[in-house]
């Protein structure tokens, strides 16, 4: 591949439903069923339809980057929904989303996201086939993302986690992704500090939960793993951060992008989040393009595949950075070539 940075395809609203209590927007690349857009269904109390669409455009752009990076066979997309009382519109949301997906004739496929669950996806699948959410499978999308994150950790460490010398890690956000990452590090002998709004989630055997008021960014650490919200790391935090590497499972973990570059200039590797948190879309690619292998595979098989793919690509990225390439050019070098078969087919070939 050349070192020229690829342009990002434009995303726009492809279908919408607007009422006085529920707005739903399908935001994606202009594509078709041969290369459908893929991204989850997110339901929030956005302040306005404009804010909802703006978030959809941001998220769809991130999905585009992630899909292109790993060659999933999908275009980028997201479905964003706005309601003042999200819990009260769930059934209507599912019905509306099914109609919008059907109107796009397979050019958009969705799954879980904020405030939507596997149960919601099961209901949605009863109305439309354009859903990928591991329904009826032992595979969990969040666990796939967690194992991809662990693959990125192994790339930073340069070896399997089981063979690495245990260090000190901070996991911010101990939900379905961060909780798995934190527990795995503990199981491998690491000292793990945890932070979560729900202290119960941050408290488990071997972990050291920190109070919300604790300035965790001042700790002497080997790894910082943001697994919670976008914009977590402020300028103050970045200026005081003491760590050997940042491996973000969260999307856009810095309050603004230049903060990551400031850390890199201080010699602290910061892996780009689309490189780290692609586990779910890799699993989607398997489910879509290798359905027989997907049906016969166990969850651990899928997680091992995801972990290996992320580790390999993250290792290549770090090698390119060591050779002096910029972040953008390094990502371009390691991205899947246009025209390659979807990564999910590799899983089928390996079975």
C-alpha atoms as a PDB file:
ATOM      1  CA  UNK A   1       0.000   0.000   0.000  1.00  0.00           C
ATOM      2  CA  UNK A   2       1.047   3.583  -0.471  1.00  0.00           C
ATOM      3  CA  UNK A   3       1.450   6.039   2.361  1.00  0.00           C
ATOM      4  CA  UNK A   4      -1.305   8.295   1.077  1.00  0.00           C
ATOM      5  CA  UNK A   5      -4.136   8.821   3.515  1.00  0.00           C
ATOM      6  CA  UNK A   6      -7.504   7.709   2.156  1.00  0.00           C
ATOM      7  CA  UNK A   7     -10.333  10.185   1.977  1.00  0.00           C
ATOM      8  CA  UNK A   8     -13.299   9.422   4.225  1.00  0.00           C
ATOM      9  CA  UNK A   9     -16.527   8.688   2.325  1.00  0.00           C
ATOM     10  CA  UNK A  10     -19.384  11.063   3.057  1.00  0.00           C
ATOM     11  CA  UNK A  11     -22.243   9.940   5.283  1.00  0.00           C
ATOM     12  CA  UNK A  12     -25.762  11.335   5.241  1.00  0.00           C
ATOM     13  CA  UNK A  13     -29.299  10.629   6.404  1.00  0.00           C
ATOM     14  CA  UNK A  14     -30.612   7.834   4.176  1.00  0.00           C
ATOM     15  CA  UNK A  15     -33.975   7.363   5.899  1.00  0.00           C
ATOM     16  CA  UNK A  16     -35.807   9.034   8.755  1.00  0.00           C
ATOM     17  CA  UNK A  17     -38.902   9.076  10.926  1.00  0.00           C
ATOM     18  CA  UNK A  18     -39.825  12.251  12.822  1.00  0.00           C
ATOM     19  CA  UNK A  19     -42.739  12.661  15.226  1.00  0.00           C
ATOM     20  CA  UNK A  20     -43.434  14.809  18.280  1.00  0.00           C
ATOM     21  CA  UNK A  21     -42.034  12.158  20.668  1.00  0.00           C
ATOM     22  CA  UNK A  22     -39.673   9.970  18.592  1.00  0.00           C
ATOM     23  CA  UNK A  23     -37.165  10.762  15.849  1.00  0.00           C
ATOM     24  CA  UNK A  24     -35.099   8.062  14.139  1.00  0.00           C
ATOM     25  CA  UNK A  25     -32.363   8.692  11.572  1.00  0.00           C
ATOM     26  CA  UNK A  26     -30.419   6.148   9.524  1.00  0.00           C
ATOM     27  CA  UNK A  27     -27.065   7.824   8.866  1.00  0.00           C
ATOM     28  CA  UNK A  28     -24.691   5.997   6.539  1.00  0.00           C
ATOM     29  CA  UNK A  29     -22.617   5.960   3.424  1.00  0.00           C
ATOM     30  CA  UNK A  30     -24.638   5.841   0.222  1.00  0.00           C
ATOM     31  CA  UNK A  31     -24.273   2.146  -0.516  1.00  0.00           C
ATOM     32  CA  UNK A  32     -26.280  -0.970  -1.411  1.00  0.00           C
ATOM     33  CA  UNK A  33     -26.986  -4.507  -0.212  1.00  0.00           C
ATOM     34  CA  UNK A  34     -23.793  -5.854  -1.827  1.00  0.00           C
ATOM     35  CA  UNK A  35     -21.762  -3.816   0.671  1.00  0.00           C
ATOM     36  CA  UNK A  36     -24.284  -2.819   3.322  1.00  0.00           C
ATOM     37  CA  UNK A  37     -23.641  -0.172   5.907  1.00  0.00           C
ATOM     38  CA  UNK A  38     -23.302  -1.530   9.439  1.00  0.00           C
ATOM     39  CA  UNK A  39     -23.696   0.187  12.797  1.00  0.00           C
ATOM     40  CA  UNK A  40     -25.752  -0.079  15.964  1.00  0.00           C
ATOM     41  CA  UNK A  41     -29.077   1.447  16.986  1.00  0.00           C
ATOM     42  CA  UNK A  42     -28.573   4.166  19.621  1.00  0.00           C
ATOM     43  CA  UNK A  43     -31.429   5.715  21.647  1.00  0.00           C
ATOM     44  CA  UNK A  44     -30.802   8.873  23.683  1.00  0.00           C
ATOM     45  CA  UNK A  45     -32.558  11.995  24.906  1.00  0.00           C
ATOM     46  CA  UNK A  46     -30.750  14.282  22.473  1.00  0.00           C
ATOM     47  CA  UNK A  47     -31.509  18.004  22.897  1.00  0.00           C
ATOM     48  CA  UNK A  48     -32.672  18.327  19.281  1.00  0.00           C
ATOM     49  CA  UNK A  49     -33.003  16.439  16.009  1.00  0.00           C
ATOM     50  CA  UNK A  50     -30.014  18.397  14.733  1.00  0.00           C
ATOM     51  CA  UNK A  51     -27.881  17.166  17.631  1.00  0.00           C
ATOM     52  CA  UNK A  52     -29.113  13.631  17.026  1.00  0.00           C
ATOM     53  CA  UNK A  53     -28.154  13.772  13.336  1.00  0.00           C
ATOM     54  CA  UNK A  54     -24.771  15.331  14.146  1.00  0.00           C
ATOM     55  CA  UNK A  55     -23.982  12.486  16.526  1.00  0.00           C
ATOM     56  CA  UNK A  56     -25.111  10.006  13.884  1.00  0.00           C
ATOM     57  CA  UNK A  57     -22.757  11.562  11.339  1.00  0.00           C
ATOM     58  CA  UNK A  58     -19.882  11.451  13.811  1.00  0.00           C
ATOM     59  CA  UNK A  59     -20.521   7.835  14.737  1.00  0.00           C
ATOM     60  CA  UNK A  60     -21.118   6.697  11.160  1.00  0.00           C
ATOM     61  CA  UNK A  61     -17.795   8.286  10.204  1.00  0.00           C
ATOM     62  CA  UNK A  62     -16.057   6.332  12.952  1.00  0.00           C
ATOM     63  CA  UNK A  63     -17.726   3.140  11.747  1.00  0.00           C
ATOM     64  CA  UNK A  64     -16.569   3.851   8.185  1.00  0.00           C
ATOM     65  CA  UNK A  65     -12.986   4.115   9.405  1.00  0.00           C
ATOM     66  CA  UNK A  66     -13.255   0.932  11.454  1.00  0.00           C
ATOM     67  CA  UNK A  67     -14.833  -1.123   8.668  1.00  0.00           C
ATOM     68  CA  UNK A  68     -12.252   0.068   6.136  1.00  0.00           C
ATOM     69  CA  UNK A  69      -9.376  -0.559   8.524  1.00  0.00           C
ATOM     70  CA  UNK A  70     -10.259  -4.221   9.004  1.00  0.00           C
ATOM     71  CA  UNK A  71     -11.882  -4.895   5.640  1.00  0.00           C
ATOM     72  CA  UNK A  72     -15.111  -6.164   7.164  1.00  0.00           C
ATOM     73  CA  UNK A  73     -17.060  -5.990   3.906  1.00  0.00           C
ATOM     74  CA  UNK A  74     -19.348  -3.293   5.320  1.00  0.00           C
ATOM     75  CA  UNK A  75     -19.722   0.426   4.776  1.00  0.00           C
ATOM     76  CA  UNK A  76     -20.076   2.775   7.725  1.00  0.00           C
ATOM     77  CA  UNK A  77     -23.418   3.601   9.296  1.00  0.00           C
ATOM     78  CA  UNK A  78     -25.361   4.254  12.474  1.00  0.00           C
ATOM     79  CA  UNK A  79     -28.996   4.546  13.495  1.00  0.00           C
ATOM     80  CA  UNK A  80     -29.636   7.287  16.028  1.00  0.00           C
ATOM     81  CA  UNK A  81     -32.959   7.820  17.782  1.00  0.00           C
ATOM     82  CA  UNK A  82     -34.159  10.726  19.919  1.00  0.00           C
ATOM     83  CA  UNK A  83     -36.864  10.548  22.585  1.00  0.00           C
ATOM     84  CA  UNK A  84     -37.476  12.537  25.766  1.00  0.00           C
ATOM     85  CA  UNK A  85     -38.555   9.307  27.474  1.00  0.00           C
ATOM     86  CA  UNK A  86     -36.468   6.533  25.889  1.00  0.00           C
ATOM     87  CA  UNK A  87     -37.992   3.702  27.938  1.00  0.00           C
ATOM     88  CA  UNK A  88     -41.503   4.658  26.882  1.00  0.00           C
ATOM     89  CA  UNK A  89     -40.878   4.388  23.133  1.00  0.00           C
ATOM     90  CA  UNK A  90     -39.035   1.082  22.858  1.00  0.00           C
ATOM     91  CA  UNK A  91     -41.792  -0.858  21.082  1.00  0.00           C
ATOM     92  CA  UNK A  92     -42.465   2.002  18.682  1.00  0.00           C
ATOM     93  CA  UNK A  93     -38.735   2.405  18.076  1.00  0.00           C
ATOM     94  CA  UNK A  94     -38.402  -1.234  17.032  1.00  0.00           C
ATOM     95  CA  UNK A  95     -41.373  -1.000  14.667  1.00  0.00           C
ATOM     96  CA  UNK A  96     -40.164   2.256  13.121  1.00  0.00           C
ATOM     97  CA  UNK A  97     -36.609   0.978  12.723  1.00  0.00           C
ATOM     98  CA  UNK A  98     -37.838  -2.188  11.001  1.00  0.00           C
ATOM     99  CA  UNK A  99     -39.780  -0.095   8.471  1.00  0.00           C
ATOM    100  CA  UNK A 100     -36.777   2.136   7.800  1.00  0.00           C
ATOM    101  CA  UNK A 101     -34.489  -0.869   7.311  1.00  0.00           C
ATOM    102  CA  UNK A 102     -36.985  -2.499   4.982  1.00  0.00           C
ATOM    103  CA  UNK A 103     -37.232   0.734   2.954  1.00  0.00           C
ATOM    104  CA  UNK A 104     -33.468   0.606   2.385  1.00  0.00           C
ATOM    105  CA  UNK A 105     -33.690  -2.928   0.974  1.00  0.00           C
ATOM    106  CA  UNK A 106     -30.686  -4.391   2.774  1.00  0.00           C
ATOM    107  CA  UNK A 107     -28.293  -1.475   2.351  1.00  0.00           C
ATOM    108  CA  UNK A 108     -28.213  -0.945   6.153  1.00  0.00           C
ATOM    109  CA  UNK A 109     -27.723  -3.554   8.873  1.00  0.00           C
ATOM    110  CA  UNK A 110     -27.920  -2.723  12.575  1.00  0.00           C
ATOM    111  CA  UNK A 111     -27.302  -4.180  16.023  1.00  0.00           C
ATOM    112  CA  UNK A 112     -27.159  -3.112  19.679  1.00  0.00           C
ATOM    113  CA  UNK A 113     -25.876   0.216  20.931  1.00  0.00           C
ATOM    114  CA  UNK A 114     -26.658   2.573  23.815  1.00  0.00           C
ATOM    115  CA  UNK A 115     -30.064   1.862  25.362  1.00  0.00           C
ATOM    116  CA  UNK A 116     -30.830  -1.026  23.016  1.00  0.00           C
ATOM    117  CA  UNK A 117     -30.459  -4.650  24.042  1.00  0.00           C
ATOM    118  CA  UNK A 118     -30.194  -8.139  22.631  1.00  0.00           C
ATOM    119  CA  UNK A 119     -33.881  -8.566  23.439  1.00  0.00           C
ATOM    120  CA  UNK A 120     -34.622  -5.507  21.318  1.00  0.00           C
ATOM    121  CA  UNK A 121     -32.634  -7.030  18.465  1.00  0.00           C
ATOM    122  CA  UNK A 122     -34.549 -10.292  18.767  1.00  0.00           C
ATOM    123  CA  UNK A 123     -37.783  -8.340  18.403  1.00  0.00           C
ATOM    124  CA  UNK A 124     -36.349  -6.374  15.491  1.00  0.00           C
ATOM    125  CA  UNK A 125     -35.272  -9.576  13.757  1.00  0.00           C
ATOM    126  CA  UNK A 126     -38.857 -10.820  13.885  1.00  0.00           C
ATOM    127  CA  UNK A 127     -39.757  -7.838  11.676  1.00  0.00           C
ATOM    128  CA  UNK A 128     -36.747  -7.540   9.371  1.00  0.00           C
ATOM    129  CA  UNK A 129     -33.713  -9.682   8.483  1.00  0.00           C
ATOM    130  CA  UNK A 130     -31.365  -6.686   8.386  1.00  0.00           C
ATOM    131  CA  UNK A 131     -29.893  -7.258  11.856  1.00  0.00           C
ATOM    132  CA  UNK A 132     -26.523  -8.609  13.007  1.00  0.00           C
ATOM    133  CA  UNK A 133     -26.375  -8.999  16.770  1.00  0.00           C
ATOM    134  CA  UNK A 134     -25.304 -12.606  17.395  1.00  0.00           C
ATOM    135  CA  UNK A 135     -28.914 -13.471  18.209  1.00  0.00           C
ATOM    136  CA  UNK A 136     -29.130 -17.141  19.167  1.00  0.00           C
ATOM    137  CA  UNK A 137     -25.332 -17.402  19.297  1.00  0.00           C
ATOM    138  CA  UNK A 138     -23.011 -17.918  22.285  1.00  0.00           C
ATOM    139  CA  UNK A 139     -20.954 -14.991  20.986  1.00  0.00           C
ATOM    140  CA  UNK A 140     -21.379 -11.684  22.811  1.00  0.00           C
ATOM    141  CA  UNK A 141     -20.531  -8.519  20.866  1.00  0.00           C
ATOM    142  CA  UNK A 142     -19.155  -6.743  23.939  1.00  0.00           C
ATOM    143  CA  UNK A 143     -16.958  -9.725  24.773  1.00  0.00           C
ATOM    144  CA  UNK A 144     -15.649  -9.665  21.206  1.00  0.00           C
ATOM    145  CA  UNK A 145     -14.725  -6.002  21.661  1.00  0.00           C
ATOM    146  CA  UNK A 146     -13.029  -6.843  24.968  1.00  0.00           C
ATOM    147  CA  UNK A 147     -10.943  -9.597  23.380  1.00  0.00           C
ATOM    148  CA  UNK A 148      -9.957  -7.278  20.559  1.00  0.00           C
ATOM    149  CA  UNK A 149      -8.819  -4.798  23.198  1.00  0.00           C
ATOM    150  CA  UNK A 150      -6.741  -7.529  24.834  1.00  0.00           C
ATOM    151  CA  UNK A 151      -5.170  -8.238  21.444  1.00  0.00           C
ATOM    152  CA  UNK A 152      -4.180  -4.575  21.241  1.00  0.00           C
ATOM    153  CA  UNK A 153      -2.696  -4.814  24.740  1.00  0.00           C
ATOM    154  CA  UNK A 154      -0.613  -7.785  23.601  1.00  0.00           C
ATOM    155  CA  UNK A 155       0.607  -5.741  20.625  1.00  0.00           C
ATOM    156  CA  UNK A 156       1.807  -3.024  23.004  1.00  0.00           C
ATOM    157  CA  UNK A 157       3.450  -5.590  25.292  1.00  0.00           C
ATOM    158  CA  UNK A 158       5.014  -7.430  22.363  1.00  0.00           C
ATOM    159  CA  UNK A 159       3.979 -10.836  23.666  1.00  0.00           C
ATOM    160  CA  UNK A 160       1.052 -12.921  24.890  1.00  0.00           C
ATOM    161  CA  UNK A 161      -0.501 -11.578  28.048  1.00  0.00           C
ATOM    162  CA  UNK A 162       0.212 -14.899  29.761  1.00  0.00           C
ATOM    163  CA  UNK A 163       3.922 -14.471  29.049  1.00  0.00           C
ATOM    164  CA  UNK A 164       4.275 -10.770  29.801  1.00  0.00           C
ATOM    165  CA  UNK A 165       5.627  -9.438  33.075  1.00  0.00           C
ATOM    166  CA  UNK A 166       2.587  -8.177  35.019  1.00  0.00           C
ATOM    167  CA  UNK A 167       2.360  -4.436  35.456  1.00  0.00           C
ATOM    168  CA  UNK A 168      -0.034  -1.762  36.683  1.00  0.00           C
ATOM    169  CA  UNK A 169      -3.145  -0.889  34.695  1.00  0.00           C
ATOM    170  CA  UNK A 170      -6.054   1.523  35.060  1.00  0.00           C
ATOM    171  CA  UNK A 171      -9.367   0.455  33.522  1.00  0.00           C
ATOM    172  CA  UNK A 172     -11.878   3.301  33.327  1.00  0.00           C
ATOM    173  CA  UNK A 173     -15.338   1.840  32.857  1.00  0.00           C
ATOM    174  CA  UNK A 174     -16.035  -1.702  34.018  1.00  0.00           C
ATOM    175  CA  UNK A 175     -19.103  -2.583  31.989  1.00  0.00           C
ATOM    176  CA  UNK A 176     -19.375  -5.405  29.493  1.00  0.00           C
ATOM    177  CA  UNK A 177     -16.106  -4.483  27.758  1.00  0.00           C
ATOM    178  CA  UNK A 178     -13.976  -2.960  30.507  1.00  0.00           C
ATOM    179  CA  UNK A 179     -15.040  -5.524  33.091  1.00  0.00           C
ATOM    180  CA  UNK A 180     -13.795  -8.393  30.911  1.00  0.00           C
ATOM    181  CA  UNK A 181     -10.532  -6.581  30.187  1.00  0.00           C
ATOM    182  CA  UNK A 182      -9.942  -5.785  33.869  1.00  0.00           C
ATOM    183  CA  UNK A 183     -10.677  -9.329  35.038  1.00  0.00           C
ATOM    184  CA  UNK A 184      -8.389 -10.821  32.409  1.00  0.00           C
ATOM    185  CA  UNK A 185      -5.536  -8.575  33.497  1.00  0.00           C
ATOM    186  CA  UNK A 186      -6.119  -9.529  37.136  1.00  0.00           C
ATOM    187  CA  UNK A 187      -6.123 -13.209  36.174  1.00  0.00           C
ATOM    188  CA  UNK A 188      -2.714 -12.666  34.591  1.00  0.00           C
ATOM    189  CA  UNK A 189      -1.232 -11.175  37.737  1.00  0.00           C
ATOM    190  CA  UNK A 190      -1.619  -7.466  36.996  1.00  0.00           C
ATOM    191  CA  UNK A 191      -2.310  -4.786  39.564  1.00  0.00           C
ATOM    192  CA  UNK A 192      -5.537  -3.328  38.223  1.00  0.00           C
ATOM    193  CA  UNK A 193      -7.110  -0.066  39.372  1.00  0.00           C
ATOM    194  CA  UNK A 194     -10.749   0.319  38.350  1.00  0.00           C
ATOM    195  CA  UNK A 195     -13.037   3.336  38.023  1.00  0.00           C
ATOM    196  CA  UNK A 196     -16.758   3.188  37.318  1.00  0.00           C
ATOM    197  CA  UNK A 197     -19.809   5.263  38.165  1.00  0.00           C
ATOM    198  CA  UNK A 198     -21.240   2.006  39.507  1.00  0.00           C
ATOM    199  CA  UNK A 199     -18.774   1.072  42.227  1.00  0.00           C
ATOM    200  CA  UNK A 200     -20.179  -2.456  42.390  1.00  0.00           C
ATOM    201  CA  UNK A 201     -19.003  -3.094  38.829  1.00  0.00           C
ATOM    202  CA  UNK A 202     -15.541  -1.820  39.700  1.00  0.00           C
ATOM    203  CA  UNK A 203     -15.314  -4.077  42.758  1.00  0.00           C
ATOM    204  CA  UNK A 204     -14.328  -7.675  42.164  1.00  0.00           C
ATOM    205  CA  UNK A 205     -11.623 -10.001  43.544  1.00  0.00           C
ATOM    206  CA  UNK A 206      -8.137  -8.758  42.728  1.00  0.00           C
ATOM    207  CA  UNK A 207      -9.158  -5.279  41.591  1.00  0.00           C
ATOM    208  CA  UNK A 208      -8.447  -2.006  43.383  1.00  0.00           C
ATOM    209  CA  UNK A 209     -11.518   0.209  42.905  1.00  0.00           C
ATOM    210  CA  UNK A 210     -10.880   3.939  43.118  1.00  0.00           C
ATOM    211  CA  UNK A 211     -13.369   6.595  44.249  1.00  0.00           C
ATOM    212  CA  UNK A 212     -14.714   8.944  41.598  1.00  0.00           C
ATOM    213  CA  UNK A 213     -12.786  11.836  43.138  1.00  0.00           C
ATOM    214  CA  UNK A 214      -9.416  10.069  42.873  1.00  0.00           C
ATOM    215  CA  UNK A 215      -7.036  11.694  40.330  1.00  0.00           C
ATOM    216  CA  UNK A 216      -6.248   8.372  38.644  1.00  0.00           C
ATOM    217  CA  UNK A 217      -4.293  10.123  35.880  1.00  0.00           C
ATOM    218  CA  UNK A 218      -1.577  10.900  38.417  1.00  0.00           C
ATOM    219  CA  UNK A 219      -0.886   7.230  39.160  1.00  0.00           C
ATOM    220  CA  UNK A 220       2.289   5.621  37.893  1.00  0.00           C
ATOM    221  CA  UNK A 221       0.945   3.091  35.374  1.00  0.00           C
ATOM    222  CA  UNK A 222       1.972   0.788  32.572  1.00  0.00           C
ATOM    223  CA  UNK A 223      -1.393   0.853  30.791  1.00  0.00           C
ATOM    224  CA  UNK A 224      -4.397   3.163  30.725  1.00  0.00           C
ATOM    225  CA  UNK A 225      -7.487   1.553  29.206  1.00  0.00           C
ATOM    226  CA  UNK A 226     -10.393   3.984  28.654  1.00  0.00           C
ATOM    227  CA  UNK A 227     -13.502   1.772  28.339  1.00  0.00           C
ATOM    228  CA  UNK A 228     -16.193   4.275  29.265  1.00  0.00           C
ATOM    229  CA  UNK A 229     -17.217   7.582  27.681  1.00  0.00           C
ATOM    230  CA  UNK A 230     -16.017   9.678  24.762  1.00  0.00           C
ATOM    231  CA  UNK A 231     -14.062  12.760  25.774  1.00  0.00           C
ATOM    232  CA  UNK A 232     -12.906  11.231  29.051  1.00  0.00           C
ATOM    233  CA  UNK A 233      -9.348  12.549  29.015  1.00  0.00           C
ATOM    234  CA  UNK A 234      -9.125  16.316  29.403  1.00  0.00           C
ATOM    235  CA  UNK A 235      -6.141  18.567  28.762  1.00  0.00           C
ATOM    236  CA  UNK A 236      -5.361  18.589  32.491  1.00  0.00           C
ATOM    237  CA  UNK A 237      -5.428  14.798  32.660  1.00  0.00           C
ATOM    238  CA  UNK A 238      -3.313  14.385  29.530  1.00  0.00           C
ATOM    239  CA  UNK A 239      -0.738  16.830  30.879  1.00  0.00           C
ATOM    240  CA  UNK A 240      -0.327  14.833  34.098  1.00  0.00           C
ATOM    241  CA  UNK A 241      -0.851  11.310  32.736  1.00  0.00           C
ATOM    242  CA  UNK A 242       1.891   8.923  33.809  1.00  0.00           C
ATOM    243  CA  UNK A 243       1.680   5.740  31.768  1.00  0.00           C
ATOM    244  CA  UNK A 244       3.665   3.727  29.258  1.00  0.00           C
ATOM    245  CA  UNK A 245       0.739   3.349  26.825  1.00  0.00           C
ATOM    246  CA  UNK A 246      -2.932   4.200  26.252  1.00  0.00           C
ATOM    247  CA  UNK A 247      -5.134   1.485  24.738  1.00  0.00           C
ATOM    248  CA  UNK A 248      -8.685   2.870  24.293  1.00  0.00           C
ATOM    249  CA  UNK A 249     -11.712   0.641  23.855  1.00  0.00           C
ATOM    250  CA  UNK A 250     -13.910   3.756  24.098  1.00  0.00           C
ATOM    251  CA  UNK A 251     -14.582   5.810  20.985  1.00  0.00           C
ATOM    252  CA  UNK A 252     -12.798   9.187  20.899  1.00  0.00           C
ATOM    253  CA  UNK A 253     -11.505   8.958  24.492  1.00  0.00           C
ATOM    254  CA  UNK A 254      -9.782  12.368  24.384  1.00  0.00           C
ATOM    255  CA  UNK A 255     -11.655  15.635  24.783  1.00  0.00           C
ATOM    256  CA  UNK A 256      -9.946  16.745  21.593  1.00  0.00           C
ATOM    257  CA  UNK A 257      -7.728  14.869  19.148  1.00  0.00           C
ATOM    258  CA  UNK A 258      -4.514  16.923  19.623  1.00  0.00           C
ATOM    259  CA  UNK A 259      -4.273  15.678  23.210  1.00  0.00           C
ATOM    260  CA  UNK A 260      -3.418  12.203  21.928  1.00  0.00           C
ATOM    261  CA  UNK A 261      -0.681  13.703  19.757  1.00  0.00           C
ATOM    262  CA  UNK A 262       0.712  15.557  22.777  1.00  0.00           C
ATOM    263  CA  UNK A 263       1.085  12.229  24.590  1.00  0.00           C
ATOM    264  CA  UNK A 264       2.715  10.663  21.533  1.00  0.00           C
ATOM    265  CA  UNK A 265       5.172  13.568  21.435  1.00  0.00           C
ATOM    266  CA  UNK A 266       6.068  12.680  25.022  1.00  0.00           C
ATOM    267  CA  UNK A 267       6.889   9.141  23.886  1.00  0.00           C
ATOM    268  CA  UNK A 268       3.664   7.538  25.137  1.00  0.00           C
ATOM    269  CA  UNK A 269       2.107   5.237  22.513  1.00  0.00           C
ATOM    270  CA  UNK A 270      -1.613   5.929  22.047  1.00  0.00           C
ATOM    271  CA  UNK A 271      -3.349   3.383  19.861  1.00  0.00           C
ATOM    272  CA  UNK A 272      -6.137   4.825  17.676  1.00  0.00           C
ATOM    273  CA  UNK A 273      -9.481   3.666  19.053  1.00  0.00           C
ATOM    274  CA  UNK A 274     -10.817   2.206  15.736  1.00  0.00           C
ATOM    275  CA  UNK A 275      -7.791  -0.072  15.725  1.00  0.00           C
ATOM    276  CA  UNK A 276      -8.565  -1.294  19.244  1.00  0.00           C
ATOM    277  CA  UNK A 277     -12.342  -1.581  19.505  1.00  0.00           C
ATOM    278  CA  UNK A 278     -13.196  -3.388  16.268  1.00  0.00           C
ATOM    279  CA  UNK A 279     -14.025  -6.749  17.845  1.00  0.00           C
ATOM    280  CA  UNK A 280     -17.778  -6.481  17.349  1.00  0.00           C
ATOM    281  CA  UNK A 281     -17.561  -5.529  13.672  1.00  0.00           C
ATOM    282  CA  UNK A 282     -15.103  -8.353  13.010  1.00  0.00           C
ATOM    283  CA  UNK A 283     -17.609 -10.724  14.593  1.00  0.00           C
ATOM    284  CA  UNK A 284     -20.345  -9.177  12.434  1.00  0.00           C
ATOM    285  CA  UNK A 285     -18.224  -9.888   9.370  1.00  0.00           C
ATOM    286  CA  UNK A 286     -17.965 -13.549  10.344  1.00  0.00           C
ATOM    287  CA  UNK A 287     -21.705 -13.790  10.980  1.00  0.00           C
ATOM    288  CA  UNK A 288     -22.517 -12.150   7.648  1.00  0.00           C
ATOM    289  CA  UNK A 289     -19.957 -13.671   5.291  1.00  0.00           C
ATOM    290  CA  UNK A 290     -19.152 -17.063   6.884  1.00  0.00           C
ATOM    291  CA  UNK A 291     -22.559 -18.115   8.241  1.00  0.00           C
ATOM    292  CA  UNK A 292     -21.793 -21.847   8.265  1.00  0.00           C
ATOM    293  CA  UNK A 293     -18.533 -21.390  10.153  1.00  0.00           C
ATOM    294  CA  UNK A 294     -20.280 -18.940  12.480  1.00  0.00           C
ATOM    295  CA  UNK A 295     -23.040 -21.430  13.219  1.00  0.00           C
ATOM    296  CA  UNK A 296     -20.576 -24.200  14.056  1.00  0.00           C
ATOM    297  CA  UNK A 297     -18.081 -22.091  16.019  1.00  0.00           C
ATOM    298  CA  UNK A 298     -17.897 -21.683  19.769  1.00  0.00           C
ATOM    299  CA  UNK A 299     -17.620 -18.262  21.343  1.00  0.00           C
ATOM    300  CA  UNK A 300     -13.987 -18.850  22.287  1.00  0.00           C
ATOM    301  CA  UNK A 301     -13.144 -19.572  18.640  1.00  0.00           C
ATOM    302  CA  UNK A 302     -14.556 -16.223  17.570  1.00  0.00           C
ATOM    303  CA  UNK A 303     -12.893 -14.347  20.434  1.00  0.00           C
ATOM    304  CA  UNK A 304      -9.509 -15.929  19.655  1.00  0.00           C
ATOM    305  CA  UNK A 305      -9.848 -14.944  15.990  1.00  0.00           C
ATOM    306  CA  UNK A 306     -10.758 -11.359  16.906  1.00  0.00           C
ATOM    307  CA  UNK A 307      -7.928 -11.109  19.414  1.00  0.00           C
ATOM    308  CA  UNK A 308      -5.402 -12.385  16.894  1.00  0.00           C
ATOM    309  CA  UNK A 309      -6.559 -10.064  14.107  1.00  0.00           C
ATOM    310  CA  UNK A 310      -6.451  -6.963  16.304  1.00  0.00           C
ATOM    311  CA  UNK A 311      -3.098  -7.938  17.770  1.00  0.00           C
ATOM    312  CA  UNK A 312      -1.618  -8.424  14.301  1.00  0.00           C
ATOM    313  CA  UNK A 313      -2.876  -5.137  12.903  1.00  0.00           C
ATOM    314  CA  UNK A 314      -1.968  -3.176  16.048  1.00  0.00           C
ATOM    315  CA  UNK A 315       1.536  -4.668  15.955  1.00  0.00           C
ATOM    316  CA  UNK A 316       1.913  -3.620  12.325  1.00  0.00           C
ATOM    317  CA  UNK A 317       0.698  -0.134  13.206  1.00  0.00           C
ATOM    318  CA  UNK A 318       3.248   0.217  16.023  1.00  0.00           C
ATOM    319  CA  UNK A 319       6.008  -1.003  13.706  1.00  0.00           C
ATOM    320  CA  UNK A 320       5.048   1.636  11.127  1.00  0.00           C
ATOM    321  CA  UNK A 321       5.081   4.318  13.811  1.00  0.00           C
ATOM    322  CA  UNK A 322       8.543   3.165  14.916  1.00  0.00           C
ATOM    323  CA  UNK A 323       9.686   3.697  11.328  1.00  0.00           C
ATOM    324  CA  UNK A 324       8.611   7.326  11.537  1.00  0.00           C
ATOM    325  CA  UNK A 325       5.230   7.298   9.817  1.00  0.00           C
ATOM    326  CA  UNK A 326       2.506   9.627  11.020  1.00  0.00           C
ATOM    327  CA  UNK A 327      -0.579   8.188  12.703  1.00  0.00           C
ATOM    328  CA  UNK A 328      -2.664   8.619   9.556  1.00  0.00           C
ATOM    329  CA  UNK A 329      -0.071   7.124   7.235  1.00  0.00           C
ATOM    330  CA  UNK A 330       0.580   4.219   9.613  1.00  0.00           C
ATOM    331  CA  UNK A 331      -3.143   3.427   9.674  1.00  0.00           C
ATOM    332  CA  UNK A 332      -3.256   3.602   5.884  1.00  0.00           C
ATOM    333  CA  UNK A 333      -0.354   1.168   5.649  1.00  0.00           C
ATOM    334  CA  UNK A 334      -2.008  -1.430   7.876  1.00  0.00           C
ATOM    335  CA  UNK A 335      -5.560  -1.021   6.547  1.00  0.00           C
ATOM    336  CA  UNK A 336      -7.083  -3.783   4.455  1.00  0.00           C
ATOM    337  CA  UNK A 337      -6.575  -3.346   0.723  1.00  0.00           C
ATOM    338  CA  UNK A 338      -9.607  -2.333  -1.296  1.00  0.00           C
ATOM    339  CA  UNK A 339     -10.930  -5.404  -3.082  1.00  0.00           C
ATOM    340  CA  UNK A 340      -9.787  -7.903  -0.475  1.00  0.00           C
ATOM    341  CA  UNK A 341     -12.325 -10.469   0.643  1.00  0.00           C
ATOM    342  CA  UNK A 342     -14.118  -9.569   3.898  1.00  0.00           C
ATOM    343  CA  UNK A 343     -12.158 -10.485   6.994  1.00  0.00           C
ATOM    344  CA  UNK A 344     -15.008 -12.753   8.096  1.00  0.00           C
ATOM    345  CA  UNK A 345     -14.182 -15.128   5.251  1.00  0.00           C
ATOM    346  CA  UNK A 346     -10.752 -15.703   6.772  1.00  0.00           C
ATOM    347  CA  UNK A 347     -12.461 -17.248   9.763  1.00  0.00           C
ATOM    348  CA  UNK A 348     -14.311 -19.623   7.485  1.00  0.00           C
ATOM    349  CA  UNK A 349     -11.124 -20.528   5.643  1.00  0.00           C
ATOM    350  CA  UNK A 350      -9.389 -21.309   8.922  1.00  0.00           C
ATOM    351  CA  UNK A 351     -11.968 -23.804  10.080  1.00  0.00           C
END
